[in-house]
Amino acid sequence: MGTDLHELLRSLRVWDPEVTDLPAFDPATAPDEPLALFTAWFAEAVAAGEREPHTMTLATADEDGLPDARIVMLHGADADGWSFATHVTSSKGRALAARPYAALTFYWPVHGRQIRLRGPVTAAPAEEALADLHARSTGALAAALTGRQSEVLGSLEELATASEAAWERARHDPTTPSPTWTLYRLRPQEAEFFQGEERRRHVRLRYRRVEEAWARELLWP
């Protein structure tokens, strides 16, 4: 007898008031710009033991306007934007070349928090992408050197052979370049901070870029 998906879904409970204790969020105390609040929430997620808080959903649209989404890793966030990396030849890279605008979503269930960012995306200079790649682990470099991301794979044996060769290159020459590896930065025009609440009185604070400043507004949950 197979698993009943609907029964599993009905068995789950989210933010049950009897067992849930989420932090309060007073938007009146929020900083004037989103990077400071993001940094504070990120630090709190790390301290609370959130698993992989640096992973995020990247949503793009291709040249036909069709949406796509996938999980990627945050490489940094500063005044220039939130950064991530991929091959320019991948499906993500091709979509960003056609439509250089994207959305990022972070979800940290330990605190019932979600952060959403939307804005234009630009590619960093090649030397910055190379420096970012070489600052990462041997495994990250090996994965980048394996390349051919999003292409059709003939077999797992083919992947194993290419990956092993890439690992050898990464171990013996950690400065090996990956020509298609690209560092991207999303500079948000909007940033929303969502704080869940046990009785569904969720607090949503949105920042909107107005020229070089930020306007702030609350949203209905």
C-alpha atoms as a PDB file:
ATOM      1  CA  MET A   1       0.000   0.000   0.000  1.00  0.00           C
ATOM      2  CA  GLY A   2       1.477   3.332  -1.047  1.00  0.00           C
ATOM      3  CA  THR A   3       1.930   6.427   1.028  1.00  0.00           C
ATOM      4  CA  ASP A   4      -1.131   8.670   1.162  1.00  0.00           C
ATOM      5  CA  LEU A   5       0.149  12.186   0.472  1.00  0.00           C
ATOM      6  CA  HIS A   6      -3.055  13.837   1.638  1.00  0.00           C
ATOM      7  CA  GLU A   7      -2.976  11.996   4.956  1.00  0.00           C
ATOM      8  CA  LEU A   8       0.615  13.102   5.468  1.00  0.00           C
ATOM      9  CA  LEU A   9      -0.286  16.695   4.702  1.00  0.00           C
ATOM     10  CA  ARG A  10      -3.199  16.639   7.129  1.00  0.00           C
ATOM     11  CA  SER A  11      -0.934  15.250   9.853  1.00  0.00           C
ATOM     12  CA  LEU A  12       1.339  18.273   9.761  1.00  0.00           C
ATOM     13  CA  ARG A  13       0.836  21.282  11.986  1.00  0.00           C
ATOM     14  CA  VAL A  14       2.500  24.633  11.417  1.00  0.00           C
ATOM     15  CA  TRP A  15       2.926  27.146  14.217  1.00  0.00           C
ATOM     16  CA  ASP A  16       0.456  25.492  16.560  1.00  0.00           C
ATOM     17  CA  PRO A  17      -0.141  28.077  19.344  1.00  0.00           C
ATOM     18  CA  GLU A  18       0.083  25.340  21.984  1.00  0.00           C
ATOM     19  CA  VAL A  19       3.630  24.307  21.083  1.00  0.00           C
ATOM     20  CA  THR A  20       5.091  27.195  19.084  1.00  0.00           C
ATOM     21  CA  ASP A  21       7.129  30.061  20.463  1.00  0.00           C
ATOM     22  CA  LEU A  22       8.239  32.495  17.760  1.00  0.00           C
ATOM     23  CA  PRO A  23      10.131  35.740  18.413  1.00  0.00           C
ATOM     24  CA  ALA A  24       8.252  39.026  18.353  1.00  0.00           C
ATOM     25  CA  PHE A  25       9.119  41.611  15.726  1.00  0.00           C
ATOM     26  CA  ASP A  26       8.376  45.285  16.210  1.00  0.00           C
ATOM     27  CA  PRO A  27       8.841  46.972  12.809  1.00  0.00           C
ATOM     28  CA  ALA A  28       9.096  50.359  14.528  1.00  0.00           C
ATOM     29  CA  THR A  29      12.524  49.277  15.784  1.00  0.00           C
ATOM     30  CA  ALA A  30      13.747  48.120  12.360  1.00  0.00           C
ATOM     31  CA  PRO A  31      16.748  49.906  10.815  1.00  0.00           C
ATOM     32  CA  ASP A  32      16.375  52.374   7.968  1.00  0.00           C
ATOM     33  CA  GLU A  33      17.746  50.008   5.330  1.00  0.00           C
ATOM     34  CA  PRO A  34      17.299  46.267   4.709  1.00  0.00           C
ATOM     35  CA  LEU A  35      20.922  45.091   4.772  1.00  0.00           C
ATOM     36  CA  ALA A  36      21.277  45.800   8.493  1.00  0.00           C
ATOM     37  CA  LEU A  37      18.082  43.897   9.329  1.00  0.00           C
ATOM     38  CA  PHE A  38      19.080  41.020   7.046  1.00  0.00           C
ATOM     39  CA  THR A  39      22.460  40.776   8.771  1.00  0.00           C
ATOM     40  CA  ALA A  40      20.855  40.755  12.220  1.00  0.00           C
ATOM     41  CA  TRP A  41      18.288  38.092  11.295  1.00  0.00           C
ATOM     42  CA  PHE A  42      20.949  35.996   9.577  1.00  0.00           C
ATOM     43  CA  ALA A  43      23.141  36.081  12.693  1.00  0.00           C
ATOM     44  CA  GLU A  44      20.170  35.082  14.841  1.00  0.00           C
ATOM     45  CA  ALA A  45      19.372  32.177  12.495  1.00  0.00           C
ATOM     46  CA  VAL A  46      22.953  30.938  12.737  1.00  0.00           C
ATOM     47  CA  ALA A  47      22.952  31.265  16.536  1.00  0.00           C
ATOM     48  CA  ALA A  48      19.661  29.354  16.747  1.00  0.00           C
ATOM     49  CA  GLY A  49      21.138  26.417  14.828  1.00  0.00           C
ATOM     50  CA  GLU A  50      19.270  26.949  11.567  1.00  0.00           C
ATOM     51  CA  ARG A  51      20.566  24.408   9.056  1.00  0.00           C
ATOM     52  CA  GLU A  52      22.132  26.028   5.994  1.00  0.00           C
ATOM     53  CA  PRO A  53      20.764  29.546   6.545  1.00  0.00           C
ATOM     54  CA  HIS A  54      22.879  30.714   3.598  1.00  0.00           C
ATOM     55  CA  THR A  55      20.789  28.740   1.103  1.00  0.00           C
ATOM     56  CA  MET A  56      18.096  30.636  -0.786  1.00  0.00           C
ATOM     57  CA  THR A  57      15.644  30.246  -3.630  1.00  0.00           C
ATOM     58  CA  LEU A  58      16.639  32.062  -6.812  1.00  0.00           C
ATOM     59  CA  ALA A  59      13.725  32.768  -9.167  1.00  0.00           C
ATOM     60  CA  THR A  60      14.294  33.861 -12.757  1.00  0.00           C
ATOM     61  CA  ALA A  61      12.397  34.088 -16.035  1.00  0.00           C
ATOM     62  CA  ASP A  62      13.790  32.936 -19.373  1.00  0.00           C
ATOM     63  CA  GLU A  63      13.656  34.746 -22.722  1.00  0.00           C
ATOM     64  CA  ASP A  64      10.066  33.526 -23.212  1.00  0.00           C
ATOM     65  CA  GLY A  65       9.035  34.850 -19.807  1.00  0.00           C
ATOM     66  CA  LEU A  66       8.657  31.355 -18.305  1.00  0.00           C
ATOM     67  CA  PRO A  67       9.556  31.213 -14.594  1.00  0.00           C
ATOM     68  CA  ASP A  68      12.056  28.917 -12.944  1.00  0.00           C
ATOM     69  CA  ALA A  69      13.348  28.547  -9.391  1.00  0.00           C
ATOM     70  CA  ARG A  70      16.108  26.651  -7.642  1.00  0.00           C
ATOM     71  CA  ILE A  71      18.121  26.651  -4.415  1.00  0.00           C
ATOM     72  CA  VAL A  72      21.520  28.366  -4.514  1.00  0.00           C
ATOM     73  CA  MET A  73      24.027  29.562  -1.935  1.00  0.00           C
ATOM     74  CA  LEU A  74      24.486  33.132  -0.759  1.00  0.00           C
ATOM     75  CA  HIS A  75      28.081  34.260  -1.310  1.00  0.00           C
ATOM     76  CA  GLY A  76      27.757  37.631   0.402  1.00  0.00           C
ATOM     77  CA  ALA A  77      25.645  40.737   0.907  1.00  0.00           C
ATOM     78  CA  ASP A  78      26.803  44.341   1.010  1.00  0.00           C
ATOM     79  CA  ALA A  79      25.951  47.755  -0.397  1.00  0.00           C
ATOM     80  CA  ASP A  80      26.436  46.378  -3.932  1.00  0.00           C
ATOM     81  CA  GLY A  81      23.832  43.662  -3.475  1.00  0.00           C
ATOM     82  CA  TRP A  82      23.283  40.013  -2.561  1.00  0.00           C
ATOM     83  CA  SER A  83      25.710  37.770  -4.444  1.00  0.00           C
ATOM     84  CA  PHE A  84      25.549  34.221  -5.784  1.00  0.00           C
ATOM     85  CA  ALA A  85      27.446  32.358  -8.495  1.00  0.00           C
ATOM     86  CA  THR A  86      26.825  29.943 -11.344  1.00  0.00           C
ATOM     87  CA  HIS A  87      28.033  29.135 -14.829  1.00  0.00           C
ATOM     88  CA  VAL A  88      27.039  31.739 -17.395  1.00  0.00           C
ATOM     89  CA  THR A  89      26.181  28.817 -19.693  1.00  0.00           C
ATOM     90  CA  SER A  90      23.757  27.216 -17.207  1.00  0.00           C
ATOM     91  CA  SER A  91      20.001  27.640 -17.387  1.00  0.00           C
ATOM     92  CA  LYS A  92      20.277  30.283 -14.651  1.00  0.00           C
ATOM     93  CA  GLY A  93      22.997  32.117 -16.525  1.00  0.00           C
ATOM     94  CA  ARG A  94      21.082  32.043 -19.799  1.00  0.00           C
ATOM     95  CA  ALA A  95      17.921  33.301 -18.111  1.00  0.00           C
ATOM     96  CA  LEU A  96      19.792  36.155 -16.449  1.00  0.00           C
ATOM     97  CA  ALA A  97      21.393  37.084 -19.764  1.00  0.00           C
ATOM     98  CA  ALA A  98      17.945  37.307 -21.367  1.00  0.00           C
ATOM     99  CA  ARG A  99      16.195  38.948 -18.419  1.00  0.00           C
ATOM    100  CA  PRO A 100      18.648  40.372 -15.844  1.00  0.00           C
ATOM    101  CA  TYR A 101      16.096  40.617 -13.043  1.00  0.00           C
ATOM    102  CA  ALA A 102      15.475  38.060 -10.311  1.00  0.00           C
ATOM    103  CA  ALA A 103      14.030  37.320  -6.889  1.00  0.00           C
ATOM    104  CA  LEU A 104      15.612  35.705  -3.833  1.00  0.00           C
ATOM    105  CA  THR A 105      13.811  34.044  -0.925  1.00  0.00           C
ATOM    106  CA  PHE A 106      15.255  32.941   2.413  1.00  0.00           C
ATOM    107  CA  TYR A 107      13.195  30.784   4.789  1.00  0.00           C
ATOM    108  CA  TRP A 108      14.332  30.168   8.356  1.00  0.00           C
ATOM    109  CA  PRO A 109      11.659  28.007  10.038  1.00  0.00           C
ATOM    110  CA  VAL A 110      13.381  27.932  13.439  1.00  0.00           C
ATOM    111  CA  HIS A 111      12.219  31.534  13.901  1.00  0.00           C
ATOM    112  CA  GLY A 112       9.298  31.501  11.446  1.00  0.00           C
ATOM    113  CA  ARG A 113      11.037  34.070   9.273  1.00  0.00           C
ATOM    114  CA  GLN A 114      11.102  34.682   5.562  1.00  0.00           C
ATOM    115  CA  ILE A 115      12.984  37.324   3.570  1.00  0.00           C
ATOM    116  CA  ARG A 116      12.147  38.177  -0.037  1.00  0.00           C
ATOM    117  CA  LEU A 117      14.267  40.347  -2.338  1.00  0.00           C
ATOM    118  CA  ARG A 118      13.613  41.503  -5.912  1.00  0.00           C
ATOM    119  CA  GLY A 119      15.750  43.570  -8.218  1.00  0.00           C
ATOM    120  CA  PRO A 120      18.095  43.790 -11.199  1.00  0.00           C
ATOM    121  CA  VAL A 121      21.043  41.442 -11.467  1.00  0.00           C
ATOM    122  CA  THR A 122      24.500  42.279 -12.799  1.00  0.00           C
ATOM    123  CA  ALA A 123      27.604  40.156 -13.330  1.00  0.00           C
ATOM    124  CA  ALA A 124      30.674  41.080 -11.310  1.00  0.00           C
ATOM    125  CA  PRO A 125      34.048  41.523 -13.049  1.00  0.00           C
ATOM    126  CA  ALA A 126      35.758  38.248 -13.968  1.00  0.00           C
ATOM    127  CA  GLU A 127      38.570  38.774 -11.471  1.00  0.00           C
ATOM    128  CA  GLU A 128      36.043  39.027  -8.633  1.00  0.00           C
ATOM    129  CA  ALA A 129      34.362  35.797  -9.724  1.00  0.00           C
ATOM    130  CA  LEU A 130      37.745  34.059  -9.805  1.00  0.00           C
ATOM    131  CA  ALA A 131      38.681  35.351  -6.354  1.00  0.00           C
ATOM    132  CA  ASP A 132      35.315  34.264  -4.964  1.00  0.00           C
ATOM    133  CA  LEU A 133      35.700  30.777  -6.445  1.00  0.00           C
ATOM    134  CA  HIS A 134      39.218  30.305  -5.098  1.00  0.00           C
ATOM    135  CA  ALA A 135      38.133  31.414  -1.636  1.00  0.00           C
ATOM    136  CA  ARG A 136      35.733  28.478  -1.483  1.00  0.00           C
ATOM    137  CA  SER A 137      36.346  24.806  -0.752  1.00  0.00           C
ATOM    138  CA  THR A 138      38.137  22.276  -2.932  1.00  0.00           C
ATOM    139  CA  GLY A 139      34.774  20.644  -3.558  1.00  0.00           C
ATOM    140  CA  ALA A 140      33.261  23.904  -4.767  1.00  0.00           C
ATOM    141  CA  LEU A 141      36.142  24.390  -7.188  1.00  0.00           C
ATOM    142  CA  ALA A 142      35.863  20.786  -8.381  1.00  0.00           C
ATOM    143  CA  ALA A 143      32.148  21.227  -9.019  1.00  0.00           C
ATOM    144  CA  ALA A 144      32.814  24.405 -10.998  1.00  0.00           C
ATOM    145  CA  LEU A 145      35.547  22.680 -13.019  1.00  0.00           C
ATOM    146  CA  THR A 146      33.260  19.744 -13.801  1.00  0.00           C
ATOM    147  CA  GLY A 147      31.136  22.252 -15.710  1.00  0.00           C
ATOM    148  CA  ARG A 148      28.423  21.477 -18.295  1.00  0.00           C
ATOM    149  CA  GLN A 149      25.750  22.475 -15.746  1.00  0.00           C
ATOM    150  CA  SER A 150      22.166  21.881 -16.981  1.00  0.00           C
ATOM    151  CA  GLU A 151      23.304  19.937 -20.075  1.00  0.00           C
ATOM    152  CA  VAL A 152      21.872  16.476 -20.703  1.00  0.00           C
ATOM    153  CA  LEU A 153      23.952  13.779 -18.949  1.00  0.00           C
ATOM    154  CA  GLY A 154      24.473  10.438 -20.667  1.00  0.00           C
ATOM    155  CA  SER A 155      25.125   8.392 -17.531  1.00  0.00           C
ATOM    156  CA  LEU A 156      26.230   8.613 -13.913  1.00  0.00           C
ATOM    157  CA  GLU A 157      29.497   6.927 -14.930  1.00  0.00           C
ATOM    158  CA  GLU A 158      30.223   9.844 -17.269  1.00  0.00           C
ATOM    159  CA  LEU A 159      29.629  12.253 -14.395  1.00  0.00           C
ATOM    160  CA  ALA A 160      31.875  10.249 -12.059  1.00  0.00           C
ATOM    161  CA  THR A 161      34.747  10.293 -14.566  1.00  0.00           C
ATOM    162  CA  ALA A 162      34.486  14.039 -15.205  1.00  0.00           C
ATOM    163  CA  SER A 163      34.091  14.798 -11.506  1.00  0.00           C
ATOM    164  CA  GLU A 164      37.127  12.727 -10.499  1.00  0.00           C
ATOM    165  CA  ALA A 165      39.272  14.541 -13.063  1.00  0.00           C
ATOM    166  CA  ALA A 166      37.979  17.893 -11.760  1.00  0.00           C
ATOM    167  CA  TRP A 167      38.772  16.922  -8.157  1.00  0.00           C
ATOM    168  CA  GLU A 168      42.325  16.033  -9.170  1.00  0.00           C
ATOM    169  CA  ARG A 169      42.772  19.418 -10.860  1.00  0.00           C
ATOM    170  CA  ALA A 170      41.316  21.231  -7.855  1.00  0.00           C
ATOM    171  CA  ARG A 171      43.604  19.417  -5.411  1.00  0.00           C
ATOM    172  CA  HIS A 172      46.786  19.897  -7.418  1.00  0.00           C
ATOM    173  CA  ASP A 173      46.124  23.452  -8.629  1.00  0.00           C
ATOM    174  CA  PRO A 174      43.709  25.354  -6.360  1.00  0.00           C
ATOM    175  CA  THR A 175      44.150  28.446  -8.569  1.00  0.00           C
ATOM    176  CA  THR A 176      42.737  26.737 -11.657  1.00  0.00           C
ATOM    177  CA  PRO A 177      40.251  29.077 -13.380  1.00  0.00           C
ATOM    178  CA  SER A 178      36.755  28.140 -14.518  1.00  0.00           C
ATOM    179  CA  PRO A 179      36.084  30.460 -17.493  1.00  0.00           C
ATOM    180  CA  THR A 180      32.279  30.232 -17.377  1.00  0.00           C
ATOM    181  CA  TRP A 181      31.966  30.649 -13.593  1.00  0.00           C
ATOM    182  CA  THR A 182      30.263  33.974 -12.920  1.00  0.00           C
ATOM    183  CA  LEU A 183      29.554  35.951  -9.768  1.00  0.00           C
ATOM    184  CA  TYR A 184      26.206  37.755  -9.863  1.00  0.00           C
ATOM    185  CA  ARG A 185      24.811  40.489  -7.649  1.00  0.00           C
ATOM    186  CA  LEU A 186      21.147  41.237  -7.078  1.00  0.00           C
ATOM    187  CA  ARG A 187      20.589  44.843  -6.020  1.00  0.00           C
ATOM    188  CA  PRO A 188      17.144  44.829  -4.399  1.00  0.00           C
ATOM    189  CA  GLN A 189      14.503  47.354  -5.296  1.00  0.00           C
ATOM    190  CA  GLU A 190      12.200  45.675  -2.779  1.00  0.00           C
ATOM    191  CA  ALA A 191      12.983  43.715   0.378  1.00  0.00           C
ATOM    192  CA  GLU A 192      10.302  42.121   2.535  1.00  0.00           C
ATOM    193  CA  PHE A 193      10.824  40.772   6.050  1.00  0.00           C
ATOM    194  CA  PHE A 194       8.166  38.316   7.237  1.00  0.00           C
ATOM    195  CA  GLN A 195       7.881  37.316  10.884  1.00  0.00           C
ATOM    196  CA  GLY A 196       5.464  34.482  11.549  1.00  0.00           C
ATOM    197  CA  GLU A 197       3.106  34.648  14.535  1.00  0.00           C
ATOM    198  CA  GLU A 198       1.341  31.739  16.228  1.00  0.00           C
ATOM    199  CA  ARG A 199      -2.140  33.219  15.757  1.00  0.00           C
ATOM    200  CA  ARG A 200      -1.395  34.064  12.115  1.00  0.00           C
ATOM    201  CA  ARG A 201      -0.982  37.784  12.846  1.00  0.00           C
ATOM    202  CA  HIS A 202       2.169  37.699  10.803  1.00  0.00           C
ATOM    203  CA  VAL A 203       4.233  40.878  10.615  1.00  0.00           C
ATOM    204  CA  ARG A 204       5.354  41.889   7.113  1.00  0.00           C
ATOM    205  CA  LEU A 205       7.674  44.851   6.650  1.00  0.00           C
ATOM    206  CA  ARG A 206       8.550  45.899   3.112  1.00  0.00           C
ATOM    207  CA  TYR A 207      11.372  48.215   2.093  1.00  0.00           C
ATOM    208  CA  ARG A 208      11.074  49.929  -1.297  1.00  0.00           C
ATOM    209  CA  ARG A 209      13.972  51.729  -2.891  1.00  0.00           C
ATOM    210  CA  VAL A 210      13.113  55.354  -3.667  1.00  0.00           C
ATOM    211  CA  GLU A 211      16.062  56.846  -5.496  1.00  0.00           C
ATOM    212  CA  GLU A 212      18.939  56.300  -3.024  1.00  0.00           C
ATOM    213  CA  ALA A 213      16.764  55.987   0.086  1.00  0.00           C
ATOM    214  CA  TRP A 214      14.310  53.371   1.383  1.00  0.00           C
ATOM    215  CA  ALA A 215      10.603  53.746   2.053  1.00  0.00           C
ATOM    216  CA  ARG A 216       9.079  51.349   4.597  1.00  0.00           C
ATOM    217  CA  GLU A 217       5.531  50.028   4.780  1.00  0.00           C
ATOM    218  CA  LEU A 218       3.582  47.265   6.498  1.00  0.00           C
ATOM    219  CA  LEU A 219       1.660  44.648   4.523  1.00  0.00           C
ATOM    220  CA  TRP A 220      -1.399  42.640   5.464  1.00  0.00           C
ATOM    221  CA  PRO A 221      -0.469  39.004   6.121  1.00  0.00           C
END
